[in-house]
Amino acid sequence: MKRLCDLLLPQFQSLDEWEEILSQVKQCKEDEMSAYEVYLALAQEYFPIPLHIVEAIFEKTPCLVHDYETYTMNCLIAYLNEHTPFETIKYLLDNSSRSFELANALIRKSLRADFMRFEVARDLIRYDPGLLAYCDNEGNMPIHECCLHCDSPTMVQLLVEEGLIFTDEWLPRNSDGMSAIDIALESDNVDGARVVLGILIHSYLEFPTKLEVISKFQVPAFKLIQILCV
């Protein structure tokens, strides 16, 4: 009989292949499955792991659920897998005693240019809107961190929209008193900052004038105009 890891190495193409895995999982003793086998299951792309099999695997691997670092790694694999539905991500979050901490780790992986799963990120924020206002060790909320590099305008747009829905706050300040505009103005990515600043300013429900923005955020007029108008 093939080992479970050998069965999981090829890319699956059908539900029948997953049902074979389920039959193997049911024969496993508690905590007999390895973290590598769980990783292989969650990393399947062409035909992602069905939710009922995810549930069966983690019922058999309680030690992996309580190992936060390993569990976080597996959740990141699922979250970054472009074919994983959010219902699977939600199950993994609900299954953890540190769901907010885990969700925050996931959303922080969504803030750079190589992330493209914006609908899943939106679902994650709506799963726990408190993520929008949570500060990292540097005192930055997700909107601030996203504006450090200004390389994901779509994510900036999503964070602003969700922030207006859930917090009714346009641009919150971090622990240093800086807004996303302040941070974007300091970004080394000038081209990206120009796009991001346009999103930030135009997202305000009552569009401010340049003078209002300059006054509100205490930025040099020449710098704001240079970035927005070039």
C-alpha atoms as a PDB file:
ATOM      1  CA  MET A   1       0.000   0.000   0.000  1.00  0.00           C
ATOM      2  CA  LYS A   2       1.297   3.445  -0.891  1.00  0.00           C
ATOM      3  CA  ARG A   3       2.098   5.852   1.904  1.00  0.00           C
ATOM      4  CA  LEU A   4      -0.244   8.803   2.292  1.00  0.00           C
ATOM      5  CA  CYS A   5       2.461  11.297   1.343  1.00  0.00           C
ATOM      6  CA  ASP A   6       3.101   9.379  -1.895  1.00  0.00           C
ATOM      7  CA  LEU A   7      -0.598   9.517  -2.743  1.00  0.00           C
ATOM      8  CA  LEU A   8      -0.675  13.283  -2.131  1.00  0.00           C
ATOM      9  CA  LEU A   9       2.346  14.205  -4.245  1.00  0.00           C
ATOM     10  CA  PRO A  10       0.610  14.202  -7.683  1.00  0.00           C
ATOM     11  CA  GLN A  11      -1.847  16.983  -8.518  1.00  0.00           C
ATOM     12  CA  PHE A  12      -5.397  15.671  -8.127  1.00  0.00           C
ATOM     13  CA  GLN A  13      -7.935  16.010 -10.916  1.00  0.00           C
ATOM     14  CA  SER A  14     -11.126  14.615  -9.393  1.00  0.00           C
ATOM     15  CA  LEU A  15     -13.171  14.084  -6.258  1.00  0.00           C
ATOM     16  CA  ASP A  16     -12.604  10.321  -6.548  1.00  0.00           C
ATOM     17  CA  GLU A  17      -8.913  10.835  -5.810  1.00  0.00           C
ATOM     18  CA  TRP A  18      -9.813  12.772  -2.671  1.00  0.00           C
ATOM     19  CA  GLU A  19     -12.198  10.058  -1.564  1.00  0.00           C
ATOM     20  CA  GLU A  20      -9.298   7.607  -1.744  1.00  0.00           C
ATOM     21  CA  ILE A  21      -7.339   9.946   0.535  1.00  0.00           C
ATOM     22  CA  LEU A  22     -10.297  10.106   2.911  1.00  0.00           C
ATOM     23  CA  SER A  23     -10.364   6.329   3.187  1.00  0.00           C
ATOM     24  CA  GLN A  24      -6.645   6.386   4.061  1.00  0.00           C
ATOM     25  CA  VAL A  25      -7.115   9.174   6.611  1.00  0.00           C
ATOM     26  CA  LYS A  26      -9.866   7.227   8.367  1.00  0.00           C
ATOM     27  CA  GLN A  27      -7.429   4.335   8.839  1.00  0.00           C
ATOM     28  CA  CYS A  28      -4.822   6.569  10.484  1.00  0.00           C
ATOM     29  CA  LYS A  29      -4.413   6.599  14.228  1.00  0.00           C
ATOM     30  CA  GLU A  30      -4.665   9.926  16.051  1.00  0.00           C
ATOM     31  CA  ASP A  31      -1.631  12.137  15.279  1.00  0.00           C
ATOM     32  CA  GLU A  32      -0.208   9.526  12.932  1.00  0.00           C
ATOM     33  CA  MET A  33      -0.357  11.907   9.969  1.00  0.00           C
ATOM     34  CA  SER A  34       2.648  14.173   9.576  1.00  0.00           C
ATOM     35  CA  ALA A  35       2.716  17.955   9.090  1.00  0.00           C
ATOM     36  CA  TYR A  36       4.198  17.294   5.643  1.00  0.00           C
ATOM     37  CA  GLU A  37       1.176  15.229   4.611  1.00  0.00           C
ATOM     38  CA  VAL A  38      -1.187  17.964   5.810  1.00  0.00           C
ATOM     39  CA  TYR A  39       0.872  20.474   3.837  1.00  0.00           C
ATOM     40  CA  LEU A  40       0.627  18.365   0.678  1.00  0.00           C
ATOM     41  CA  ALA A  41      -3.139  18.114   1.074  1.00  0.00           C
ATOM     42  CA  LEU A  42      -3.652  21.860   1.524  1.00  0.00           C
ATOM     43  CA  ALA A  43      -1.239  22.705  -1.310  1.00  0.00           C
ATOM     44  CA  GLN A  44      -3.248  20.810  -3.949  1.00  0.00           C
ATOM     45  CA  GLU A  45      -4.123  23.329  -6.668  1.00  0.00           C
ATOM     46  CA  TYR A  46      -6.033  21.893  -9.619  1.00  0.00           C
ATOM     47  CA  PHE A  47      -8.698  20.219  -7.492  1.00  0.00           C
ATOM     48  CA  PRO A  48      -8.374  21.709  -3.998  1.00  0.00           C
ATOM     49  CA  ILE A  49      -9.088  19.636  -0.939  1.00  0.00           C
ATOM     50  CA  PRO A  50     -12.823  19.435  -0.148  1.00  0.00           C
ATOM     51  CA  LEU A  51     -13.888  20.830   3.207  1.00  0.00           C
ATOM     52  CA  HIS A  52     -15.144  17.522   4.597  1.00  0.00           C
ATOM     53  CA  ILE A  53     -11.702  16.001   4.047  1.00  0.00           C
ATOM     54  CA  VAL A  54      -9.999  18.976   5.703  1.00  0.00           C
ATOM     55  CA  GLU A  55     -12.239  18.345   8.702  1.00  0.00           C
ATOM     56  CA  ALA A  56     -11.375  14.639   8.725  1.00  0.00           C
ATOM     57  CA  ILE A  57      -7.640  15.359   8.572  1.00  0.00           C
ATOM     58  CA  PHE A  58      -7.635  17.808  11.475  1.00  0.00           C
ATOM     59  CA  GLU A  59      -9.811  15.552  13.571  1.00  0.00           C
ATOM     60  CA  LYS A  60      -6.975  13.048  13.215  1.00  0.00           C
ATOM     61  CA  THR A  61      -4.208  15.584  13.930  1.00  0.00           C
ATOM     62  CA  PRO A  62      -5.093  17.509  17.128  1.00  0.00           C
ATOM     63  CA  CYS A  63      -1.407  17.932  17.981  1.00  0.00           C
ATOM     64  CA  LEU A  64      -0.902  19.963  14.788  1.00  0.00           C
ATOM     65  CA  VAL A  65      -3.791  22.265  15.707  1.00  0.00           C
ATOM     66  CA  HIS A  66      -2.176  23.018  19.069  1.00  0.00           C
ATOM     67  CA  ASP A  67       1.251  23.582  17.502  1.00  0.00           C
ATOM     68  CA  TYR A  68       0.646  27.229  16.551  1.00  0.00           C
ATOM     69  CA  GLU A  69       3.675  27.681  14.281  1.00  0.00           C
ATOM     70  CA  THR A  70       2.975  24.546  12.260  1.00  0.00           C
ATOM     71  CA  TYR A  71      -0.741  25.285  12.110  1.00  0.00           C
ATOM     72  CA  THR A  72      -0.047  28.837  10.936  1.00  0.00           C
ATOM     73  CA  MET A  73       2.228  27.523   8.206  1.00  0.00           C
ATOM     74  CA  ASN A  74      -0.495  25.154   6.995  1.00  0.00           C
ATOM     75  CA  CYS A  75      -3.088  27.938   7.062  1.00  0.00           C
ATOM     76  CA  LEU A  76      -0.797  30.193   5.043  1.00  0.00           C
ATOM     77  CA  ILE A  77      -0.372  27.436   2.469  1.00  0.00           C
ATOM     78  CA  ALA A  78      -4.155  27.176   2.136  1.00  0.00           C
ATOM     79  CA  TYR A  79      -4.693  30.945   2.110  1.00  0.00           C
ATOM     80  CA  LEU A  80      -2.096  31.620  -0.585  1.00  0.00           C
ATOM     81  CA  ASN A  81      -3.275  28.706  -2.720  1.00  0.00           C
ATOM     82  CA  GLU A  82      -5.329  30.464  -5.392  1.00  0.00           C
ATOM     83  CA  HIS A  83      -7.834  27.612  -5.559  1.00  0.00           C
ATOM     84  CA  THR A  84      -8.670  27.285  -1.861  1.00  0.00           C
ATOM     85  CA  PRO A  85     -12.237  28.520  -1.159  1.00  0.00           C
ATOM     86  CA  PHE A  86     -12.784  30.798   1.797  1.00  0.00           C
ATOM     87  CA  GLU A  87     -14.985  28.204   3.521  1.00  0.00           C
ATOM     88  CA  THR A  88     -11.801  26.170   4.047  1.00  0.00           C
ATOM     89  CA  ILE A  89      -9.941  29.183   5.434  1.00  0.00           C
ATOM     90  CA  LYS A  90     -12.862  29.886   7.760  1.00  0.00           C
ATOM     91  CA  TYR A  91     -12.845  26.316   9.046  1.00  0.00           C
ATOM     92  CA  LEU A  92      -9.114  26.540   9.776  1.00  0.00           C
ATOM     93  CA  LEU A  93      -9.613  29.817  11.643  1.00  0.00           C
ATOM     94  CA  ASP A  94     -12.599  28.511  13.609  1.00  0.00           C
ATOM     95  CA  ASN A  95     -10.620  25.413  14.496  1.00  0.00           C
ATOM     96  CA  SER A  96      -7.877  27.439  16.210  1.00  0.00           C
ATOM     97  CA  SER A  97      -7.956  28.809  19.751  1.00  0.00           C
ATOM     98  CA  ARG A  98      -5.938  31.774  18.416  1.00  0.00           C
ATOM     99  CA  SER A  99      -8.137  32.613  15.461  1.00  0.00           C
ATOM    100  CA  PHE A 100      -7.628  36.400  15.562  1.00  0.00           C
ATOM    101  CA  GLU A 101      -3.850  36.070  15.779  1.00  0.00           C
ATOM    102  CA  LEU A 102      -3.958  33.616  12.908  1.00  0.00           C
ATOM    103  CA  ALA A 103      -6.256  35.820  10.788  1.00  0.00           C
ATOM    104  CA  ASN A 104      -3.909  38.754  11.383  1.00  0.00           C
ATOM    105  CA  ALA A 105      -0.956  36.688  10.170  1.00  0.00           C
ATOM    106  CA  LEU A 106      -2.920  35.907   7.002  1.00  0.00           C
ATOM    107  CA  ILE A 107      -4.007  39.480   6.281  1.00  0.00           C
ATOM    108  CA  ARG A 108      -0.446  40.728   6.712  1.00  0.00           C
ATOM    109  CA  LYS A 109       0.554  38.353   3.904  1.00  0.00           C
ATOM    110  CA  SER A 110      -1.961  40.102   1.630  1.00  0.00           C
ATOM    111  CA  LEU A 111      -0.327  43.517   1.490  1.00  0.00           C
ATOM    112  CA  ARG A 112       2.340  43.132  -1.202  1.00  0.00           C
ATOM    113  CA  ALA A 113       2.266  43.035  -4.991  1.00  0.00           C
ATOM    114  CA  ASP A 114       2.566  39.248  -5.265  1.00  0.00           C
ATOM    115  CA  PHE A 115      -0.814  38.735  -3.556  1.00  0.00           C
ATOM    116  CA  MET A 116      -3.783  38.434  -5.935  1.00  0.00           C
ATOM    117  CA  ARG A 117      -6.592  36.816  -3.906  1.00  0.00           C
ATOM    118  CA  PHE A 118      -8.458  40.010  -3.109  1.00  0.00           C
ATOM    119  CA  GLU A 119     -11.911  38.455  -2.695  1.00  0.00           C
ATOM    120  CA  VAL A 120     -10.524  36.031  -0.122  1.00  0.00           C
ATOM    121  CA  ALA A 121      -8.808  38.943   1.663  1.00  0.00           C
ATOM    122  CA  ARG A 122     -12.145  40.779   1.707  1.00  0.00           C
ATOM    123  CA  ASP A 123     -13.846  37.693   3.160  1.00  0.00           C
ATOM    124  CA  LEU A 124     -11.107  37.483   5.779  1.00  0.00           C
ATOM    125  CA  ILE A 125     -11.642  41.102   6.843  1.00  0.00           C
ATOM    126  CA  ARG A 126     -15.385  40.541   7.035  1.00  0.00           C
ATOM    127  CA  TYR A 127     -14.715  37.425   9.113  1.00  0.00           C
ATOM    128  CA  ASP A 128     -13.167  39.734  11.724  1.00  0.00           C
ATOM    129  CA  PRO A 129     -13.272  43.479  10.968  1.00  0.00           C
ATOM    130  CA  GLY A 130     -11.060  44.076  14.010  1.00  0.00           C
ATOM    131  CA  LEU A 131      -8.143  43.193  11.743  1.00  0.00           C
ATOM    132  CA  LEU A 132      -8.421  46.620  10.113  1.00  0.00           C
ATOM    133  CA  ALA A 133      -7.489  48.458  13.305  1.00  0.00           C
ATOM    134  CA  TYR A 134      -4.979  46.031  14.781  1.00  0.00           C
ATOM    135  CA  CYS A 135      -1.450  47.446  15.068  1.00  0.00           C
ATOM    136  CA  ASP A 136       1.657  45.342  14.443  1.00  0.00           C
ATOM    137  CA  ASN A 137       4.872  45.587  16.459  1.00  0.00           C
ATOM    138  CA  GLU A 138       5.775  48.743  14.546  1.00  0.00           C
ATOM    139  CA  GLY A 139       2.456  50.370  15.406  1.00  0.00           C
ATOM    140  CA  ASN A 140       1.018  50.051  11.896  1.00  0.00           C
ATOM    141  CA  MET A 141      -2.450  48.899  10.885  1.00  0.00           C
ATOM    142  CA  PRO A 142      -2.769  46.970   7.593  1.00  0.00           C
ATOM    143  CA  ILE A 143      -3.497  50.182   5.627  1.00  0.00           C
ATOM    144  CA  HIS A 144      -0.265  51.738   6.901  1.00  0.00           C
ATOM    145  CA  GLU A 145       1.822  48.656   6.191  1.00  0.00           C
ATOM    146  CA  CYS A 146       0.346  48.424   2.690  1.00  0.00           C
ATOM    147  CA  CYS A 147       1.414  52.026   2.028  1.00  0.00           C
ATOM    148  CA  LEU A 148       4.994  51.462   3.128  1.00  0.00           C
ATOM    149  CA  HIS A 149       5.801  49.960  -0.271  1.00  0.00           C
ATOM    150  CA  CYS A 150       2.837  51.160  -2.356  1.00  0.00           C
ATOM    151  CA  ASP A 151       3.087  48.144  -4.639  1.00  0.00           C
ATOM    152  CA  SER A 152      -0.486  46.826  -4.238  1.00  0.00           C
ATOM    153  CA  PRO A 153      -2.990  49.595  -5.100  1.00  0.00           C
ATOM    154  CA  THR A 154      -5.847  47.075  -5.284  1.00  0.00           C
ATOM    155  CA  MET A 155      -5.227  46.041  -1.701  1.00  0.00           C
ATOM    156  CA  VAL A 156      -5.096  49.687  -0.623  1.00  0.00           C
ATOM    157  CA  GLN A 157      -8.486  50.213  -2.307  1.00  0.00           C
ATOM    158  CA  LEU A 158      -9.922  47.160  -0.550  1.00  0.00           C
ATOM    159  CA  LEU A 159      -8.628  48.222   2.873  1.00  0.00           C
ATOM    160  CA  VAL A 160     -10.022  51.738   2.485  1.00  0.00           C
ATOM    161  CA  GLU A 161     -13.427  50.475   1.331  1.00  0.00           C
ATOM    162  CA  GLU A 162     -13.703  47.938   4.133  1.00  0.00           C
ATOM    163  CA  GLY A 163     -12.488  50.510   6.646  1.00  0.00           C
ATOM    164  CA  LEU A 164     -15.240  52.903   5.637  1.00  0.00           C
ATOM    165  CA  ILE A 165     -17.827  50.109   5.907  1.00  0.00           C
ATOM    166  CA  PHE A 166     -16.795  48.771   9.291  1.00  0.00           C
ATOM    167  CA  THR A 167     -15.142  51.660  11.122  1.00  0.00           C
ATOM    168  CA  ASP A 168     -16.597  54.699   9.354  1.00  0.00           C
ATOM    169  CA  GLU A 169     -13.099  56.145   9.504  1.00  0.00           C
ATOM    170  CA  TRP A 170     -11.385  57.422   6.406  1.00  0.00           C
ATOM    171  CA  LEU A 171      -7.693  57.203   7.250  1.00  0.00           C
ATOM    172  CA  PRO A 172      -6.831  56.139  10.803  1.00  0.00           C
ATOM    173  CA  ARG A 173      -3.498  57.092  12.315  1.00  0.00           C
ATOM    174  CA  ASN A 174      -0.906  54.627  13.555  1.00  0.00           C
ATOM    175  CA  SER A 175       0.745  54.772  16.980  1.00  0.00           C
ATOM    176  CA  ASP A 176       3.130  57.445  15.684  1.00  0.00           C
ATOM    177  CA  GLY A 177       0.215  59.620  14.602  1.00  0.00           C
ATOM    178  CA  MET A 178       0.800  59.007  10.889  1.00  0.00           C
ATOM    179  CA  SER A 179      -1.936  58.402   8.338  1.00  0.00           C
ATOM    180  CA  ALA A 180      -1.633  56.220   5.254  1.00  0.00           C
ATOM    181  CA  ILE A 181      -1.074  59.406   3.222  1.00  0.00           C
ATOM    182  CA  ASP A 182       1.843  60.392   5.451  1.00  0.00           C
ATOM    183  CA  ILE A 183       3.415  56.958   4.992  1.00  0.00           C
ATOM    184  CA  ALA A 184       2.793  56.807   1.231  1.00  0.00           C
ATOM    185  CA  LEU A 185       4.519  60.176   0.855  1.00  0.00           C
ATOM    186  CA  GLU A 186       7.651  58.658   2.352  1.00  0.00           C
ATOM    187  CA  SER A 187       7.615  55.554   0.126  1.00  0.00           C
ATOM    188  CA  ASP A 188      10.595  54.945  -2.128  1.00  0.00           C
ATOM    189  CA  ASN A 189       8.182  53.652  -4.767  1.00  0.00           C
ATOM    190  CA  VAL A 190       7.293  57.033  -6.286  1.00  0.00           C
ATOM    191  CA  ASP A 191       5.200  55.644  -9.150  1.00  0.00           C
ATOM    192  CA  GLY A 192       3.282  53.353  -6.828  1.00  0.00           C
ATOM    193  CA  ALA A 193       2.818  56.141  -4.290  1.00  0.00           C
ATOM    194  CA  ARG A 194       1.242  58.356  -6.941  1.00  0.00           C
ATOM    195  CA  VAL A 195      -1.394  55.700  -7.665  1.00  0.00           C
ATOM    196  CA  VAL A 196      -1.965  54.929  -3.986  1.00  0.00           C
ATOM    197  CA  LEU A 197      -2.306  58.590  -3.030  1.00  0.00           C
ATOM    198  CA  GLY A 198      -4.912  59.037  -5.743  1.00  0.00           C
ATOM    199  CA  ILE A 199      -6.882  56.121  -4.283  1.00  0.00           C
ATOM    200  CA  LEU A 200      -6.605  57.411  -0.717  1.00  0.00           C
ATOM    201  CA  ILE A 201      -7.746  60.940  -1.523  1.00  0.00           C
ATOM    202  CA  HIS A 202     -10.540  60.003  -3.936  1.00  0.00           C
ATOM    203  CA  SER A 203     -11.929  57.405  -1.540  1.00  0.00           C
ATOM    204  CA  TYR A 204     -13.058  60.089   0.898  1.00  0.00           C
ATOM    205  CA  LEU A 205     -16.831  60.434   0.814  1.00  0.00           C
ATOM    206  CA  GLU A 206     -16.564  64.224   0.733  1.00  0.00           C
ATOM    207  CA  PHE A 207     -13.640  64.803  -1.590  1.00  0.00           C
ATOM    208  CA  PRO A 208     -11.194  67.193   0.120  1.00  0.00           C
ATOM    209  CA  THR A 209      -9.403  70.029  -1.589  1.00  0.00           C
ATOM    210  CA  LYS A 210      -5.624  69.980  -1.855  1.00  0.00           C
ATOM    211  CA  LEU A 211      -5.448  72.672   0.821  1.00  0.00           C
ATOM    212  CA  GLU A 212      -7.574  70.567   3.188  1.00  0.00           C
ATOM    213  CA  VAL A 213      -5.348  67.555   2.625  1.00  0.00           C
ATOM    214  CA  ILE A 214      -2.184  69.584   3.100  1.00  0.00           C
ATOM    215  CA  SER A 215      -3.599  71.142   6.274  1.00  0.00           C
ATOM    216  CA  LYS A 216      -4.953  67.876   7.661  1.00  0.00           C
ATOM    217  CA  PHE A 217      -1.821  65.833   7.134  1.00  0.00           C
ATOM    218  CA  GLN A 218       0.768  68.582   7.533  1.00  0.00           C
ATOM    219  CA  VAL A 219       2.733  67.571   4.445  1.00  0.00           C
ATOM    220  CA  PRO A 220       4.724  69.980   2.293  1.00  0.00           C
ATOM    221  CA  ALA A 221       2.523  71.319  -0.503  1.00  0.00           C
ATOM    222  CA  PHE A 222       5.223  70.929  -3.126  1.00  0.00           C
ATOM    223  CA  LYS A 223       5.693  67.238  -2.276  1.00  0.00           C
ATOM    224  CA  LEU A 224       2.008  66.322  -2.487  1.00  0.00           C
ATOM    225  CA  ILE A 225       1.541  68.242  -5.718  1.00  0.00           C
ATOM    226  CA  GLN A 226       4.701  66.729  -7.180  1.00  0.00           C
ATOM    227  CA  ILE A 227       3.513  63.175  -6.539  1.00  0.00           C
ATOM    228  CA  LEU A 228      -0.127  63.618  -7.530  1.00  0.00           C
ATOM    229  CA  CYS A 229       0.277  65.852 -10.541  1.00  0.00           C
ATOM    230  CA  VAL A 230       3.370  64.604 -12.366  1.00  0.00           C
END
